[in-house]
Amino acid sequence: MTTSSPALAVKIYEQAKSKGVHALDAPVSGGDVGAKNAALTIMVGGDEEAFKAVEPILRVLGNNVILQGGAGAGQHTKMCNQIAIASNMIGVCEAVVYAEKAGLDPSRVLKSIGSGAAGIWSLNNLAPRMMVKDFAPGFYVKHFIKDMTIALEEAKQMGMSMPGLELSKELYDKLASMGENESGTQAL
């Protein structure tokens, strides 16, 4: 259930299959809140037969459990998740700082924009932590950097340019160099 490269997930799958056992890659999203509330999103890659056998167990941990495809598909889906979050976090940080610089009450701004088109998970769950300088990890900066690195490597192999992800990784690398590697992603 860790996040790894899709190639590693395929290698594990193939090794397991050669020994007559099943392996699924099933990375999660939802952070500490999702884990504590058994409300994780679980992105699964592997054989449907194996998925169906363990699906009841996965549903104890999460409320959004989806078989994405064959081995490695869970990891590719997690990369899509991290890519979307990476650019969104820049926007969330900039929105909070903009509200402060404009002399607005950021918590009131969040009440307005959090229920509209801008109402993404990071805005509604991490921006309040940002405003009170609560950088306790729900998801560590160091792990986000690892995931962004995997996504950039995969994108390169597919011949894709990822300027938003590259910028986000650059900013998180700078944050880590400032001693915030063990902080939550909202420390950006």
N, C-alpha and C. Protein backbone atom coordinates (compact mmCIF):
# COMPACT_ATOMS: atom_id res chain seq x y z
N MET A 1 0.82 -1.20 0.00
CA MET A 1 0.00 0.00 0.00
C MET A 1 0.86 1.26 0.00
N THR A 2 2.14 1.09 -0.16
CA THR A 2 3.01 2.24 -0.26
C THR A 2 2.95 2.83 -1.66
N THR A 3 3.51 3.99 -1.82
CA THR A 3 3.64 4.59 -3.15
C THR A 3 5.04 4.28 -3.66
N SER A 4 5.08 3.67 -4.84
CA SER A 4 6.36 3.33 -5.46
C SER A 4 6.24 3.57 -6.96
N SER A 5 7.29 3.25 -7.66
CA SER A 5 7.22 3.39 -9.12
C SER A 5 6.30 2.29 -9.66
N PRO A 6 5.59 2.57 -10.74
CA PRO A 6 4.78 1.53 -11.37
C PRO A 6 5.63 0.33 -11.80
N ALA A 7 6.87 0.58 -12.23
CA ALA A 7 7.75 -0.52 -12.66
C ALA A 7 8.04 -1.46 -11.49
N LEU A 8 8.24 -0.93 -10.30
CA LEU A 8 8.47 -1.77 -9.13
C LEU A 8 7.22 -2.59 -8.81
N ALA A 9 6.06 -1.99 -8.93
CA ALA A 9 4.81 -2.72 -8.68
C ALA A 9 4.68 -3.89 -9.65
N VAL A 10 5.03 -3.68 -10.91
CA VAL A 10 4.97 -4.76 -11.91
C VAL A 10 5.98 -5.84 -11.56
N LYS A 11 7.18 -5.46 -11.14
CA LYS A 11 8.21 -6.43 -10.76
C LYS A 11 7.74 -7.28 -9.58
N ILE A 12 7.16 -6.65 -8.57
CA ILE A 12 6.66 -7.38 -7.41
C ILE A 12 5.54 -8.33 -7.84
N TYR A 13 4.64 -7.85 -8.69
CA TYR A 13 3.55 -8.66 -9.21
C TYR A 13 4.09 -9.91 -9.91
N GLU A 14 5.06 -9.69 -10.78
CA GLU A 14 5.62 -10.81 -11.54
C GLU A 14 6.34 -11.81 -10.64
N GLN A 15 7.09 -11.31 -9.66
CA GLN A 15 7.76 -12.21 -8.71
C GLN A 15 6.75 -13.01 -7.91
N ALA A 16 5.70 -12.37 -7.46
CA ALA A 16 4.66 -13.06 -6.70
C ALA A 16 4.00 -14.13 -7.56
N LYS A 17 3.67 -13.76 -8.79
CA LYS A 17 3.00 -14.69 -9.70
C LYS A 17 3.87 -15.92 -9.97
N SER A 18 5.19 -15.70 -10.09
CA SER A 18 6.10 -16.83 -10.34
C SER A 18 6.15 -17.79 -9.16
N LYS A 19 5.74 -17.33 -7.99
CA LYS A 19 5.72 -18.18 -6.79
C LYS A 19 4.31 -18.67 -6.47
N GLY A 20 3.35 -18.37 -7.36
CA GLY A 20 1.99 -18.84 -7.17
C GLY A 20 1.16 -18.04 -6.19
N VAL A 21 1.56 -16.80 -5.92
CA VAL A 21 0.78 -15.93 -5.03
C VAL A 21 0.39 -14.65 -5.79
N HIS A 22 -0.52 -13.92 -5.18
CA HIS A 22 -1.01 -12.69 -5.80
C HIS A 22 -0.36 -11.47 -5.14
N ALA A 23 -0.24 -10.42 -5.91
CA ALA A 23 0.23 -9.13 -5.37
C ALA A 23 -0.58 -8.03 -6.02
N LEU A 24 -0.98 -7.08 -5.22
CA LEU A 24 -1.68 -5.90 -5.70
C LEU A 24 -0.89 -4.68 -5.28
N ASP A 25 -0.85 -3.66 -6.13
CA ASP A 25 -0.33 -2.37 -5.69
C ASP A 25 -1.55 -1.54 -5.33
N ALA A 26 -1.53 -0.95 -4.15
CA ALA A 26 -2.72 -0.27 -3.64
C ALA A 26 -2.35 0.97 -2.84
N PRO A 27 -1.73 1.97 -3.50
CA PRO A 27 -1.41 3.20 -2.78
C PRO A 27 -2.69 3.92 -2.35
N VAL A 28 -2.55 4.79 -1.37
CA VAL A 28 -3.71 5.46 -0.79
C VAL A 28 -3.59 6.97 -0.87
N SER A 29 -4.71 7.62 -0.69
CA SER A 29 -4.77 9.07 -0.55
C SER A 29 -5.79 9.37 0.53
N GLY A 30 -5.59 10.48 1.21
CA GLY A 30 -6.51 10.88 2.27
C GLY A 30 -5.79 11.35 3.51
N GLY A 31 -4.48 11.12 3.55
CA GLY A 31 -3.68 11.63 4.66
C GLY A 31 -4.05 11.04 6.00
N ASP A 32 -3.58 11.72 7.03
CA ASP A 32 -3.81 11.24 8.39
C ASP A 32 -5.29 11.24 8.75
N VAL A 33 -6.02 12.22 8.24
CA VAL A 33 -7.45 12.31 8.54
C VAL A 33 -8.19 11.12 7.92
N GLY A 34 -7.89 10.82 6.67
CA GLY A 34 -8.52 9.68 6.01
C GLY A 34 -8.19 8.36 6.69
N ALA A 35 -6.94 8.23 7.12
CA ALA A 35 -6.54 6.99 7.80
C ALA A 35 -7.26 6.84 9.14
N LYS A 36 -7.31 7.91 9.92
CA LYS A 36 -7.95 7.85 11.23
C LYS A 36 -9.44 7.58 11.12
N ASN A 37 -10.06 8.06 10.04
CA ASN A 37 -11.50 7.90 9.87
C ASN A 37 -11.87 6.74 8.96
N ALA A 38 -10.89 5.90 8.60
CA ALA A 38 -11.12 4.77 7.68
C ALA A 38 -11.82 5.25 6.42
N ALA A 39 -11.36 6.39 5.90
CA ALA A 39 -11.98 7.02 4.72
C ALA A 39 -10.96 7.24 3.61
N LEU A 40 -9.98 6.36 3.53
CA LEU A 40 -8.96 6.51 2.51
C LEU A 40 -9.50 6.23 1.11
N THR A 41 -8.86 6.83 0.13
CA THR A 41 -9.05 6.43 -1.26
C THR A 41 -7.94 5.43 -1.54
N ILE A 42 -8.31 4.28 -2.08
CA ILE A 42 -7.34 3.22 -2.35
C ILE A 42 -7.39 2.92 -3.84
N MET A 43 -6.24 3.12 -4.49
CA MET A 43 -6.10 2.98 -5.94
C MET A 43 -5.36 1.67 -6.21
N VAL A 44 -6.05 0.70 -6.77
CA VAL A 44 -5.52 -0.66 -6.83
C VAL A 44 -5.13 -1.05 -8.26
N GLY A 45 -3.99 -1.72 -8.36
CA GLY A 45 -3.55 -2.32 -9.61
C GLY A 45 -3.30 -3.80 -9.40
N GLY A 46 -3.70 -4.61 -10.37
CA GLY A 46 -3.47 -6.05 -10.28
C GLY A 46 -4.62 -6.83 -10.89
N ASP A 47 -4.64 -8.12 -10.60
CA ASP A 47 -5.66 -9.00 -11.14
C ASP A 47 -7.00 -8.79 -10.44
N GLU A 48 -8.07 -8.85 -11.22
CA GLU A 48 -9.41 -8.65 -10.66
C GLU A 48 -9.76 -9.71 -9.62
N GLU A 49 -9.34 -10.95 -9.85
CA GLU A 49 -9.62 -12.03 -8.92
C GLU A 49 -9.01 -11.74 -7.53
N ALA A 50 -7.77 -11.30 -7.53
CA ALA A 50 -7.10 -10.97 -6.26
C ALA A 50 -7.76 -9.75 -5.62
N PHE A 51 -8.11 -8.78 -6.43
CA PHE A 51 -8.78 -7.58 -5.92
C PHE A 51 -10.08 -7.95 -5.23
N LYS A 52 -10.90 -8.76 -5.89
CA LYS A 52 -12.19 -9.14 -5.31
C LYS A 52 -12.01 -9.89 -3.99
N ALA A 53 -10.94 -10.66 -3.89
CA ALA A 53 -10.69 -11.43 -2.66
C ALA A 53 -10.36 -10.51 -1.48
N VAL A 54 -9.66 -9.43 -1.72
CA VAL A 54 -9.25 -8.55 -0.61
C VAL A 54 -10.08 -7.27 -0.52
N GLU A 55 -10.98 -7.07 -1.46
CA GLU A 55 -11.78 -5.84 -1.45
C GLU A 55 -12.51 -5.60 -0.13
N PRO A 56 -13.11 -6.63 0.50
CA PRO A 56 -13.77 -6.37 1.79
C PRO A 56 -12.81 -5.82 2.86
N ILE A 57 -11.59 -6.29 2.84
CA ILE A 57 -10.60 -5.78 3.81
C ILE A 57 -10.24 -4.34 3.47
N LEU A 58 -10.03 -4.06 2.19
CA LEU A 58 -9.69 -2.69 1.78
C LEU A 58 -10.82 -1.72 2.12
N ARG A 59 -12.05 -2.18 2.05
CA ARG A 59 -13.20 -1.32 2.35
C ARG A 59 -13.30 -0.99 3.84
N VAL A 60 -12.62 -1.75 4.69
CA VAL A 60 -12.54 -1.41 6.11
C VAL A 60 -11.65 -0.18 6.29
N LEU A 61 -10.65 -0.03 5.41
CA LEU A 61 -9.70 1.07 5.49
C LEU A 61 -10.11 2.30 4.70
N GLY A 62 -10.92 2.09 3.66
CA GLY A 62 -11.26 3.20 2.80
C GLY A 62 -12.67 3.13 2.28
N ASN A 63 -13.18 4.26 1.84
CA ASN A 63 -14.54 4.31 1.32
C ASN A 63 -14.57 4.55 -0.19
N ASN A 64 -13.40 4.68 -0.80
CA ASN A 64 -13.29 4.86 -2.24
C ASN A 64 -12.20 3.90 -2.71
N VAL A 65 -12.58 2.68 -3.01
CA VAL A 65 -11.64 1.61 -3.36
C VAL A 65 -11.94 1.21 -4.80
N ILE A 66 -10.98 1.45 -5.70
CA ILE A 66 -11.23 1.20 -7.12
C ILE A 66 -10.07 0.45 -7.75
N LEU A 67 -10.40 -0.66 -8.45
CA LEU A 67 -9.42 -1.37 -9.25
C LEU A 67 -9.20 -0.55 -10.52
N GLN A 68 -7.97 -0.09 -10.71
CA GLN A 68 -7.66 0.79 -11.82
C GLN A 68 -7.21 0.05 -13.08
N GLY A 69 -6.77 -1.19 -12.92
CA GLY A 69 -6.27 -1.97 -14.05
C GLY A 69 -5.24 -2.96 -13.56
N GLY A 70 -4.37 -3.38 -14.47
CA GLY A 70 -3.36 -4.38 -14.15
C GLY A 70 -2.28 -3.87 -13.21
N ALA A 71 -1.31 -4.71 -12.99
CA ALA A 71 -0.19 -4.38 -12.09
C ALA A 71 0.43 -3.04 -12.49
N GLY A 72 0.65 -2.19 -11.51
CA GLY A 72 1.21 -0.86 -11.74
C GLY A 72 0.17 0.23 -11.92
N ALA A 73 -1.07 -0.15 -12.22
CA ALA A 73 -2.12 0.84 -12.47
C ALA A 73 -2.46 1.65 -11.22
N GLY A 74 -2.39 1.01 -10.05
CA GLY A 74 -2.62 1.76 -8.81
C GLY A 74 -1.57 2.84 -8.63
N GLN A 75 -0.31 2.49 -8.93
CA GLN A 75 0.78 3.47 -8.79
C GLN A 75 0.63 4.61 -9.80
N HIS A 76 0.26 4.28 -11.03
CA HIS A 76 0.05 5.34 -12.03
C HIS A 76 -1.09 6.27 -11.58
N THR A 77 -2.13 5.70 -11.00
CA THR A 77 -3.25 6.53 -10.52
C THR A 77 -2.78 7.43 -9.38
N LYS A 78 -1.95 6.88 -8.49
CA LYS A 78 -1.43 7.70 -7.39
C LYS A 78 -0.58 8.85 -7.94
N MET A 79 0.15 8.61 -9.02
CA MET A 79 0.93 9.69 -9.63
C MET A 79 0.00 10.79 -10.14
N CYS A 80 -1.13 10.41 -10.73
CA CYS A 80 -2.11 11.41 -11.18
C CYS A 80 -2.59 12.23 -9.98
N ASN A 81 -2.84 11.57 -8.86
CA ASN A 81 -3.27 12.24 -7.63
C ASN A 81 -2.22 13.25 -7.17
N GLN A 82 -0.96 12.81 -7.13
CA GLN A 82 0.11 13.68 -6.64
C GLN A 82 0.37 14.85 -7.59
N ILE A 83 0.25 14.61 -8.88
CA ILE A 83 0.43 15.69 -9.86
C ILE A 83 -0.63 16.76 -9.64
N ALA A 84 -1.88 16.35 -9.46
CA ALA A 84 -2.96 17.32 -9.23
C ALA A 84 -2.75 18.09 -7.92
N ILE A 85 -2.35 17.40 -6.89
CA ILE A 85 -2.12 18.05 -5.60
C ILE A 85 -0.96 19.04 -5.67
N ALA A 86 0.10 18.66 -6.35
CA ALA A 86 1.32 19.49 -6.38
C ALA A 86 1.03 20.90 -6.88
N SER A 87 0.35 21.01 -8.00
CA SER A 87 0.05 22.33 -8.54
C SER A 87 -1.02 23.03 -7.71
N ASN A 88 -1.98 22.27 -7.19
CA ASN A 88 -3.02 22.86 -6.35
C ASN A 88 -2.44 23.48 -5.09
N MET A 89 -1.43 22.84 -4.50
CA MET A 89 -0.84 23.37 -3.28
C MET A 89 -0.22 24.75 -3.50
N ILE A 90 0.37 24.97 -4.67
CA ILE A 90 0.91 26.29 -4.98
C ILE A 90 -0.23 27.30 -4.97
N GLY A 91 -1.33 26.97 -5.61
CA GLY A 91 -2.47 27.87 -5.66
C GLY A 91 -3.07 28.14 -4.29
N VAL A 92 -3.16 27.11 -3.45
CA VAL A 92 -3.70 27.29 -2.10
C VAL A 92 -2.81 28.23 -1.30
N CYS A 93 -1.50 28.01 -1.36
CA CYS A 93 -0.57 28.87 -0.63
C CYS A 93 -0.68 30.32 -1.11
N GLU A 94 -0.71 30.50 -2.42
CA GLU A 94 -0.79 31.85 -2.96
C GLU A 94 -2.11 32.53 -2.59
N ALA A 95 -3.21 31.77 -2.55
CA ALA A 95 -4.50 32.34 -2.18
C ALA A 95 -4.49 32.83 -0.73
N VAL A 96 -3.91 32.04 0.17
CA VAL A 96 -3.85 32.43 1.59
C VAL A 96 -2.99 33.68 1.76
N VAL A 97 -1.82 33.69 1.13
CA VAL A 97 -0.93 34.86 1.24
C VAL A 97 -1.59 36.09 0.61
N TYR A 98 -2.24 35.91 -0.54
CA TYR A 98 -2.92 37.03 -1.20
C TYR A 98 -3.99 37.62 -0.29
N ALA A 99 -4.79 36.75 0.33
CA ALA A 99 -5.84 37.23 1.24
C ALA A 99 -5.23 38.05 2.37
N GLU A 100 -4.14 37.55 2.94
CA GLU A 100 -3.47 38.27 4.03
C GLU A 100 -2.95 39.62 3.55
N LYS A 101 -2.27 39.64 2.41
CA LYS A 101 -1.68 40.88 1.87
C LYS A 101 -2.75 41.88 1.49
N ALA A 102 -3.94 41.41 1.10
CA ALA A 102 -5.04 42.29 0.72
C ALA A 102 -5.80 42.82 1.94
N GLY A 103 -5.37 42.39 3.13
CA GLY A 103 -6.01 42.84 4.36
C GLY A 103 -7.31 42.12 4.68
N LEU A 104 -7.52 40.98 4.06
CA LEU A 104 -8.72 40.20 4.31
C LEU A 104 -8.49 39.23 5.46
N ASP A 105 -9.57 38.73 6.01
CA ASP A 105 -9.51 37.67 7.01
C ASP A 105 -9.47 36.36 6.23
N PRO A 106 -8.32 35.68 6.19
CA PRO A 106 -8.21 34.46 5.39
C PRO A 106 -9.25 33.40 5.73
N SER A 107 -9.67 33.29 6.98
CA SER A 107 -10.67 32.27 7.33
C SER A 107 -12.02 32.60 6.70
N ARG A 108 -12.34 33.88 6.59
CA ARG A 108 -13.58 34.27 5.91
C ARG A 108 -13.48 34.02 4.41
N VAL A 109 -12.31 34.30 3.86
CA VAL A 109 -12.10 34.05 2.45
C VAL A 109 -12.29 32.56 2.16
N LEU A 110 -11.74 31.71 3.02
CA LEU A 110 -11.88 30.27 2.83
C LEU A 110 -13.34 29.83 2.88
N LYS A 111 -14.13 30.47 3.76
CA LYS A 111 -15.56 30.13 3.82
C LYS A 111 -16.25 30.44 2.50
N SER A 112 -15.83 31.51 1.85
CA SER A 112 -16.43 31.88 0.56
C SER A 112 -15.95 31.01 -0.58
N ILE A 113 -14.64 30.87 -0.71
CA ILE A 113 -14.12 30.17 -1.88
C ILE A 113 -14.08 28.66 -1.70
N GLY A 114 -14.12 28.18 -0.48
CA GLY A 114 -14.06 26.75 -0.22
C GLY A 114 -15.30 25.99 -0.65
N SER A 115 -16.42 26.67 -0.80
CA SER A 115 -17.64 25.99 -1.22
C SER A 115 -17.97 26.27 -2.68
N GLY A 116 -17.10 27.02 -3.35
CA GLY A 116 -17.31 27.30 -4.77
C GLY A 116 -16.40 26.45 -5.63
N ALA A 117 -16.12 26.94 -6.81
CA ALA A 117 -15.31 26.20 -7.79
C ALA A 117 -13.89 25.94 -7.28
N ALA A 118 -13.40 26.76 -6.37
CA ALA A 118 -12.04 26.58 -5.83
C ALA A 118 -12.00 25.57 -4.69
N GLY A 119 -13.13 25.04 -4.29
CA GLY A 119 -13.25 24.19 -3.11
C GLY A 119 -12.64 22.81 -3.27
N ILE A 120 -11.32 22.75 -3.27
CA ILE A 120 -10.61 21.47 -3.35
C ILE A 120 -10.21 21.02 -1.95
N TRP A 121 -9.86 19.75 -1.83
CA TRP A 121 -9.51 19.18 -0.53
C TRP A 121 -8.38 19.96 0.14
N SER A 122 -7.34 20.28 -0.59
CA SER A 122 -6.19 20.98 0.00
C SER A 122 -6.59 22.33 0.55
N LEU A 123 -7.46 23.04 -0.13
CA LEU A 123 -7.91 24.35 0.33
C LEU A 123 -8.71 24.20 1.62
N ASN A 124 -9.64 23.28 1.62
CA ASN A 124 -10.53 23.14 2.77
C ASN A 124 -9.90 22.46 3.98
N ASN A 125 -8.89 21.62 3.76
CA ASN A 125 -8.30 20.88 4.87
C ASN A 125 -6.92 21.37 5.29
N LEU A 126 -6.14 21.88 4.35
CA LEU A 126 -4.77 22.29 4.69
C LEU A 126 -4.61 23.80 4.86
N ALA A 127 -5.39 24.59 4.14
CA ALA A 127 -5.27 26.04 4.30
C ALA A 127 -5.55 26.49 5.74
N PRO A 128 -6.56 25.93 6.43
CA PRO A 128 -6.75 26.32 7.83
C PRO A 128 -5.52 26.02 8.69
N ARG A 129 -4.84 24.91 8.41
CA ARG A 129 -3.61 24.60 9.14
C ARG A 129 -2.52 25.61 8.81
N MET A 130 -2.43 25.99 7.54
CA MET A 130 -1.43 26.99 7.13
C MET A 130 -1.60 28.29 7.89
N MET A 131 -2.85 28.72 8.01
CA MET A 131 -3.13 30.03 8.61
C MET A 131 -2.72 30.11 10.07
N VAL A 132 -2.69 28.98 10.76
CA VAL A 132 -2.28 28.98 12.17
C VAL A 132 -0.88 28.41 12.35
N LYS A 133 -0.16 28.27 11.22
CA LYS A 133 1.21 27.77 11.23
C LYS A 133 1.33 26.37 11.84
N ASP A 134 0.30 25.54 11.60
CA ASP A 134 0.31 24.15 12.04
C ASP A 134 0.85 23.33 10.88
N PHE A 135 2.11 22.96 10.97
CA PHE A 135 2.77 22.23 9.90
C PHE A 135 3.00 20.76 10.28
N ALA A 136 2.24 20.29 11.29
CA ALA A 136 2.33 18.88 11.66
C ALA A 136 1.96 18.03 10.45
N PRO A 137 2.71 16.96 10.22
CA PRO A 137 2.49 16.20 9.00
C PRO A 137 1.24 15.34 9.02
N GLY A 138 0.45 15.52 7.98
CA GLY A 138 -0.56 14.54 7.60
C GLY A 138 0.08 13.72 6.49
N PHE A 139 0.90 14.41 5.72
CA PHE A 139 1.71 13.79 4.67
C PHE A 139 3.01 14.59 4.63
N TYR A 140 4.12 13.91 4.83
CA TYR A 140 5.42 14.55 4.97
C TYR A 140 5.92 15.17 3.66
N VAL A 141 6.62 16.30 3.79
CA VAL A 141 7.27 16.94 2.65
C VAL A 141 8.20 15.94 1.97
N LYS A 142 9.00 15.20 2.74
CA LYS A 142 9.97 14.27 2.15
C LYS A 142 9.28 13.19 1.31
N HIS A 143 8.10 12.74 1.73
CA HIS A 143 7.39 11.73 0.96
C HIS A 143 6.76 12.33 -0.31
N PHE A 144 6.33 13.58 -0.20
CA PHE A 144 5.76 14.25 -1.38
C PHE A 144 6.85 14.47 -2.43
N ILE A 145 8.04 14.83 -1.99
CA ILE A 145 9.16 14.99 -2.92
C ILE A 145 9.47 13.65 -3.60
N LYS A 146 9.46 12.57 -2.84
CA LYS A 146 9.69 11.23 -3.41
C LYS A 146 8.65 10.94 -4.49
N ASP A 147 7.39 11.20 -4.17
CA ASP A 147 6.31 10.93 -5.13
C ASP A 147 6.42 11.81 -6.37
N MET A 148 6.74 13.08 -6.18
CA MET A 148 6.89 13.97 -7.34
C MET A 148 8.05 13.51 -8.22
N THR A 149 9.11 13.03 -7.60
CA THR A 149 10.26 12.52 -8.35
C THR A 149 9.84 11.32 -9.21
N ILE A 150 9.09 10.40 -8.61
CA ILE A 150 8.59 9.24 -9.37
C ILE A 150 7.73 9.72 -10.54
N ALA A 151 6.82 10.64 -10.28
CA ALA A 151 5.92 11.12 -11.34
C ALA A 151 6.70 11.79 -12.46
N LEU A 152 7.71 12.58 -12.11
CA LEU A 152 8.52 13.25 -13.14
C LEU A 152 9.29 12.23 -13.97
N GLU A 153 9.82 11.20 -13.31
CA GLU A 153 10.55 10.15 -14.04
C GLU A 153 9.60 9.39 -14.98
N GLU A 154 8.41 9.07 -14.50
CA GLU A 154 7.43 8.37 -15.34
C GLU A 154 7.02 9.24 -16.52
N ALA A 155 6.78 10.53 -16.26
CA ALA A 155 6.38 11.45 -17.33
C ALA A 155 7.47 11.55 -18.38
N LYS A 156 8.72 11.60 -17.94
CA LYS A 156 9.85 11.67 -18.88
C LYS A 156 9.87 10.43 -19.78
N GLN A 157 9.64 9.26 -19.17
CA GLN A 157 9.62 8.01 -19.95
C GLN A 157 8.48 8.01 -20.98
N MET A 158 7.41 8.76 -20.67
CA MET A 158 6.27 8.83 -21.60
C MET A 158 6.39 10.00 -22.57
N GLY A 159 7.51 10.75 -22.47
CA GLY A 159 7.72 11.88 -23.37
C GLY A 159 6.86 13.09 -23.05
N MET A 160 6.50 13.24 -21.77
CA MET A 160 5.64 14.34 -21.35
C MET A 160 6.42 15.45 -20.67
N SER A 161 5.98 16.66 -20.88
CA SER A 161 6.49 17.82 -20.16
C SER A 161 5.54 18.11 -19.00
N MET A 162 6.08 18.37 -17.83
CA MET A 162 5.26 18.60 -16.63
C MET A 162 5.72 19.88 -15.93
N PRO A 163 5.52 21.06 -16.53
CA PRO A 163 6.05 22.29 -15.94
C PRO A 163 5.47 22.62 -14.56
N GLY A 164 4.18 22.35 -14.34
CA GLY A 164 3.59 22.61 -13.03
C GLY A 164 4.20 21.73 -11.96
N LEU A 165 4.37 20.45 -12.27
CA LEU A 165 4.96 19.52 -11.32
C LEU A 165 6.42 19.86 -11.07
N GLU A 166 7.14 20.24 -12.11
CA GLU A 166 8.55 20.62 -11.94
C GLU A 166 8.67 21.83 -11.00
N LEU A 167 7.81 22.83 -11.17
CA LEU A 167 7.84 24.00 -10.30
C LEU A 167 7.52 23.62 -8.86
N SER A 168 6.50 22.80 -8.69
CA SER A 168 6.13 22.38 -7.34
C SER A 168 7.27 21.63 -6.67
N LYS A 169 7.89 20.70 -7.40
CA LYS A 169 9.00 19.95 -6.82
C LYS A 169 10.15 20.89 -6.45
N GLU A 170 10.43 21.84 -7.31
CA GLU A 170 11.49 22.81 -7.02
C GLU A 170 11.19 23.57 -5.72
N LEU A 171 9.94 23.98 -5.53
CA LEU A 171 9.57 24.70 -4.31
C LEU A 171 9.64 23.80 -3.08
N TYR A 172 9.22 22.57 -3.22
CA TYR A 172 9.29 21.63 -2.08
C TYR A 172 10.74 21.25 -1.78
N ASP A 173 11.58 21.14 -2.80
CA ASP A 173 13.01 20.89 -2.56
C ASP A 173 13.61 22.04 -1.76
N LYS A 174 13.24 23.26 -2.11
CA LYS A 174 13.73 24.44 -1.37
C LYS A 174 13.23 24.39 0.07
N LEU A 175 11.96 24.04 0.25
CA LEU A 175 11.40 23.93 1.60
C LEU A 175 12.16 22.88 2.42
N ALA A 176 12.46 21.74 1.80
CA ALA A 176 13.21 20.69 2.49
C ALA A 176 14.60 21.18 2.87
N SER A 177 15.23 21.94 1.98
CA SER A 177 16.57 22.46 2.27
C SER A 177 16.55 23.47 3.41
N MET A 178 15.38 23.99 3.72
CA MET A 178 15.22 24.93 4.84
C MET A 178 14.91 24.20 6.14
N GLY A 179 14.99 22.86 6.11
CA GLY A 179 14.78 22.07 7.32
C GLY A 179 13.35 21.61 7.54
N GLU A 180 12.51 21.66 6.53
CA GLU A 180 11.10 21.30 6.69
C GLU A 180 10.76 19.93 6.11
N ASN A 181 11.73 19.06 5.94
CA ASN A 181 11.52 17.74 5.37
C ASN A 181 10.51 16.91 6.15
N GLU A 182 10.47 17.10 7.47
CA GLU A 182 9.60 16.32 8.35
C GLU A 182 8.25 17.01 8.59
N SER A 183 8.03 18.16 7.96
CA SER A 183 6.79 18.89 8.11
C SER A 183 5.74 18.35 7.15
N GLY A 184 4.50 18.77 7.36
CA GLY A 184 3.43 18.42 6.42
C GLY A 184 3.52 19.26 5.18
N THR A 185 2.89 18.80 4.12
CA THR A 185 2.95 19.50 2.83
C THR A 185 2.42 20.92 2.91
N GLN A 186 1.58 21.22 3.88
CA GLN A 186 1.04 22.56 4.02
C GLN A 186 2.09 23.57 4.48
N ALA A 187 3.28 23.12 4.83
CA ALA A 187 4.37 24.03 5.22
C ALA A 187 4.87 24.88 4.04
N LEU A 188 4.47 24.50 2.83
CA LEU A 188 4.90 25.26 1.65
C LEU A 188 4.59 26.73 1.79
